[in-house]
Amino acid sequence: MAVKRSVRIAERIRREAGRILLFEVKDPGVKPITISEVRITDDLKLAKIYYTVFDEQKQREQAEQALQRAGKFIRSEIGKCIDLRFIPEIEFHYDKIPEQTQKLNELFAKIRDEEHE
């Protein structure tokens, strides 16, 4: 079964955005950021980039501000790397799934410990 074009492009954007953050953006606020997922609309006009910061709340706020500052640069660099007629608009969203997963794991561990008492 063929993979949708939007899924392939979203994966390419995820790889390129990670590379750009790691090697090209000079702002130190982007260093603790990991791109976890990219979702792009079927018409390829909007890319939602989900990111995580595995540290305290202060770094999360700094990362959000750094992404806002670097957003136009990241979009233009993605446009140079990916051959599309139109470069999608980019929105950055904090990915809460790792935090939620950790909380669930802690709850399961607590339940398991209570059952063994």
C-alpha atoms as a PDB file:
ATOM      1  CA  MET A   1       0.000   0.000   0.000  1.00  0.00           C
ATOM      2  CA  ALA A   2       1.379   3.402  -0.949  1.00  0.00           C
ATOM      3  CA  VAL A   3       2.104   5.960   1.761  1.00  0.00           C
ATOM      4  CA  LYS A   4       0.289   9.272   1.391  1.00  0.00           C
ATOM      5  CA  ARG A   5       2.394  12.098   0.015  1.00  0.00           C
ATOM      6  CA  SER A   6       1.620  14.281   3.035  1.00  0.00           C
ATOM      7  CA  VAL A   7       2.989  11.601   5.382  1.00  0.00           C
ATOM      8  CA  ARG A   8       6.217  11.310   3.383  1.00  0.00           C
ATOM      9  CA  ILE A   9       6.672  15.085   3.312  1.00  0.00           C
ATOM     10  CA  ALA A  10       5.908  15.363   7.047  1.00  0.00           C
ATOM     11  CA  GLU A  11       8.666  12.848   7.797  1.00  0.00           C
ATOM     12  CA  ARG A  12      11.079  14.735   5.552  1.00  0.00           C
ATOM     13  CA  ILE A  13      10.213  18.006   7.301  1.00  0.00           C
ATOM     14  CA  ARG A  14      10.779  16.322  10.694  1.00  0.00           C
ATOM     15  CA  ARG A  15      14.272  15.201   9.684  1.00  0.00           C
ATOM     16  CA  GLU A  16      15.193  18.548   8.114  1.00  0.00           C
ATOM     17  CA  ALA A  17      13.816  20.611  11.011  1.00  0.00           C
ATOM     18  CA  GLY A  18      15.845  18.511  13.465  1.00  0.00           C
ATOM     19  CA  ARG A  19      18.988  18.969  11.390  1.00  0.00           C
ATOM     20  CA  ILE A  20      18.400  22.710  11.075  1.00  0.00           C
ATOM     21  CA  LEU A  21      17.886  23.090  14.829  1.00  0.00           C
ATOM     22  CA  LEU A  22      20.983  21.065  15.583  1.00  0.00           C
ATOM     23  CA  PHE A  23      23.426  22.517  13.075  1.00  0.00           C
ATOM     24  CA  GLU A  24      22.176  25.825  11.670  1.00  0.00           C
ATOM     25  CA  VAL A  25      20.212  27.751  14.300  1.00  0.00           C
ATOM     26  CA  LYS A  26      22.680  29.582  16.527  1.00  0.00           C
ATOM     27  CA  ASP A  27      20.178  30.414  19.292  1.00  0.00           C
ATOM     28  CA  PRO A  28      21.142  28.396  22.414  1.00  0.00           C
ATOM     29  CA  GLY A  29      17.457  28.163  23.359  1.00  0.00           C
ATOM     30  CA  VAL A  30      16.881  25.504  20.695  1.00  0.00           C
ATOM     31  CA  LYS A  31      19.596  23.115  21.909  1.00  0.00           C
ATOM     32  CA  PRO A  32      17.418  21.084  24.336  1.00  0.00           C
ATOM     33  CA  ILE A  33      14.654  20.678  21.717  1.00  0.00           C
ATOM     34  CA  THR A  34      13.820  17.373  20.080  1.00  0.00           C
ATOM     35  CA  ILE A  35      11.377  17.238  17.174  1.00  0.00           C
ATOM     36  CA  SER A  36       9.003  14.388  17.959  1.00  0.00           C
ATOM     37  CA  GLU A  37       6.486  14.561  15.135  1.00  0.00           C
ATOM     38  CA  VAL A  38       5.298  16.629  12.196  1.00  0.00           C
ATOM     39  CA  ARG A  39       1.741  16.605  10.962  1.00  0.00           C
ATOM     40  CA  ILE A  40       0.974  18.274   7.672  1.00  0.00           C
ATOM     41  CA  THR A  41      -2.373  18.980   6.082  1.00  0.00           C
ATOM     42  CA  ASP A  42      -3.256  17.013   2.943  1.00  0.00           C
ATOM     43  CA  ASP A  43      -3.030  20.207   0.880  1.00  0.00           C
ATOM     44  CA  LEU A  44       0.550  20.710   2.231  1.00  0.00           C
ATOM     45  CA  LYS A  45      -0.190  24.271   3.342  1.00  0.00           C
ATOM     46  CA  LEU A  46       0.331  23.860   7.105  1.00  0.00           C
ATOM     47  CA  ALA A  47       2.916  21.827   9.010  1.00  0.00           C
ATOM     48  CA  LYS A  48       2.493  21.409  12.769  1.00  0.00           C
ATOM     49  CA  ILE A  49       5.862  20.609  14.303  1.00  0.00           C
ATOM     50  CA  TYR A  50       5.653  18.920  17.709  1.00  0.00           C
ATOM     51  CA  TYR A  51       8.676  19.179  19.981  1.00  0.00           C
ATOM     52  CA  THR A  52       9.778  18.085  23.429  1.00  0.00           C
ATOM     53  CA  VAL A  53      12.169  19.513  25.975  1.00  0.00           C
ATOM     54  CA  PHE A  54      13.361  17.012  28.538  1.00  0.00           C
ATOM     55  CA  ASP A  55      14.060  19.461  31.297  1.00  0.00           C
ATOM     56  CA  GLU A  56      12.387  21.890  33.618  1.00  0.00           C
ATOM     57  CA  GLN A  57       9.603  24.359  32.857  1.00  0.00           C
ATOM     58  CA  LYS A  58      12.021  27.284  32.438  1.00  0.00           C
ATOM     59  CA  GLN A  59      13.783  25.596  29.511  1.00  0.00           C
ATOM     60  CA  ARG A  60      10.425  24.804  27.947  1.00  0.00           C
ATOM     61  CA  GLU A  61       9.540  28.507  27.966  1.00  0.00           C
ATOM     62  CA  GLN A  62      12.976  29.429  26.580  1.00  0.00           C
ATOM     63  CA  ALA A  63      12.591  26.815  23.849  1.00  0.00           C
ATOM     64  CA  GLU A  64       9.179  28.182  22.887  1.00  0.00           C
ATOM     65  CA  GLN A  65      10.580  31.705  22.601  1.00  0.00           C
ATOM     66  CA  ALA A  66      13.602  30.488  20.622  1.00  0.00           C
ATOM     67  CA  LEU A  67      11.352  28.647  18.160  1.00  0.00           C
ATOM     68  CA  GLN A  68       9.290  31.785  17.677  1.00  0.00           C
ATOM     69  CA  ARG A  69      12.458  33.743  16.890  1.00  0.00           C
ATOM     70  CA  ALA A  70      13.826  31.080  14.543  1.00  0.00           C
ATOM     71  CA  GLY A  71      10.543  30.103  12.869  1.00  0.00           C
ATOM     72  CA  LYS A  72      10.976  32.087   9.650  1.00  0.00           C
ATOM     73  CA  PHE A  73      14.579  30.938   9.277  1.00  0.00           C
ATOM     74  CA  ILE A  74      13.585  27.292   9.804  1.00  0.00           C
ATOM     75  CA  ARG A  75      10.786  27.609   7.248  1.00  0.00           C
ATOM     76  CA  SER A  76      13.088  29.135   4.642  1.00  0.00           C
ATOM     77  CA  GLU A  77      15.734  26.454   5.214  1.00  0.00           C
ATOM     78  CA  ILE A  78      13.126  23.712   4.882  1.00  0.00           C
ATOM     79  CA  GLY A  79      12.066  25.333   1.614  1.00  0.00           C
ATOM     80  CA  LYS A  80      15.633  25.055   0.319  1.00  0.00           C
ATOM     81  CA  CYS A  81      15.849  21.354   1.236  1.00  0.00           C
ATOM     82  CA  ILE A  82      12.452  20.125   0.103  1.00  0.00           C
ATOM     83  CA  ASP A  83      11.298  20.667  -3.451  1.00  0.00           C
ATOM     84  CA  LEU A  84       7.705  21.869  -3.119  1.00  0.00           C
ATOM     85  CA  ARG A  85       5.756  24.440  -5.076  1.00  0.00           C
ATOM     86  CA  PHE A  86       4.738  26.152  -1.822  1.00  0.00           C
ATOM     87  CA  ILE A  87       6.548  26.002   1.493  1.00  0.00           C
ATOM     88  CA  PRO A  88       4.040  25.115   4.204  1.00  0.00           C
ATOM     89  CA  GLU A  89       3.360  27.526   7.029  1.00  0.00           C
ATOM     90  CA  ILE A  90       4.882  26.214  10.237  1.00  0.00           C
ATOM     91  CA  GLU A  91       3.375  26.070  13.701  1.00  0.00           C
ATOM     92  CA  PHE A  92       5.312  24.800  16.709  1.00  0.00           C
ATOM     93  CA  HIS A  93       3.465  22.845  19.399  1.00  0.00           C
ATOM     94  CA  TYR A  94       4.835  21.422  22.622  1.00  0.00           C
ATOM     95  CA  ASP A  95       4.351  17.640  22.638  1.00  0.00           C
ATOM     96  CA  LYS A  96       2.807  16.644  25.976  1.00  0.00           C
ATOM     97  CA  ILE A  97       2.744  12.911  25.244  1.00  0.00           C
ATOM     98  CA  PRO A  98       6.134  12.092  26.868  1.00  0.00           C
ATOM     99  CA  GLU A  99       5.071  13.847  30.082  1.00  0.00           C
ATOM    100  CA  GLN A 100       1.696  12.105  30.057  1.00  0.00           C
ATOM    101  CA  THR A 101       3.360   8.743  29.422  1.00  0.00           C
ATOM    102  CA  GLN A 102       5.698   9.263  32.353  1.00  0.00           C
ATOM    103  CA  LYS A 103       2.785  10.126  34.649  1.00  0.00           C
ATOM    104  CA  LEU A 104       0.879   7.031  33.520  1.00  0.00           C
ATOM    105  CA  ASN A 105       3.928   4.829  34.091  1.00  0.00           C
ATOM    106  CA  GLU A 106       4.282   6.247  37.597  1.00  0.00           C
ATOM    107  CA  LEU A 107       0.605   5.553  38.293  1.00  0.00           C
ATOM    108  CA  PHE A 108       0.900   1.978  37.019  1.00  0.00           C
ATOM    109  CA  ALA A 109       3.993   1.424  39.152  1.00  0.00           C
ATOM    110  CA  LYS A 110       2.160   2.753  42.205  1.00  0.00           C
ATOM    111  CA  ILE A 111      -0.825   0.469  41.541  1.00  0.00           C
ATOM    112  CA  ARG A 112       1.493  -2.513  41.026  1.00  0.00           C
ATOM    113  CA  ASP A 113       3.302  -1.760  44.292  1.00  0.00           C
ATOM    114  CA  GLU A 114       0.016  -1.484  46.182  1.00  0.00           C
ATOM    115  CA  GLU A 115      -1.140  -4.845  44.811  1.00  0.00           C
ATOM    116  CA  HIS A 116       2.011  -6.562  46.060  1.00  0.00           C
ATOM    117  CA  GLU A 117       1.663  -5.234  49.617  1.00  0.00           C
END
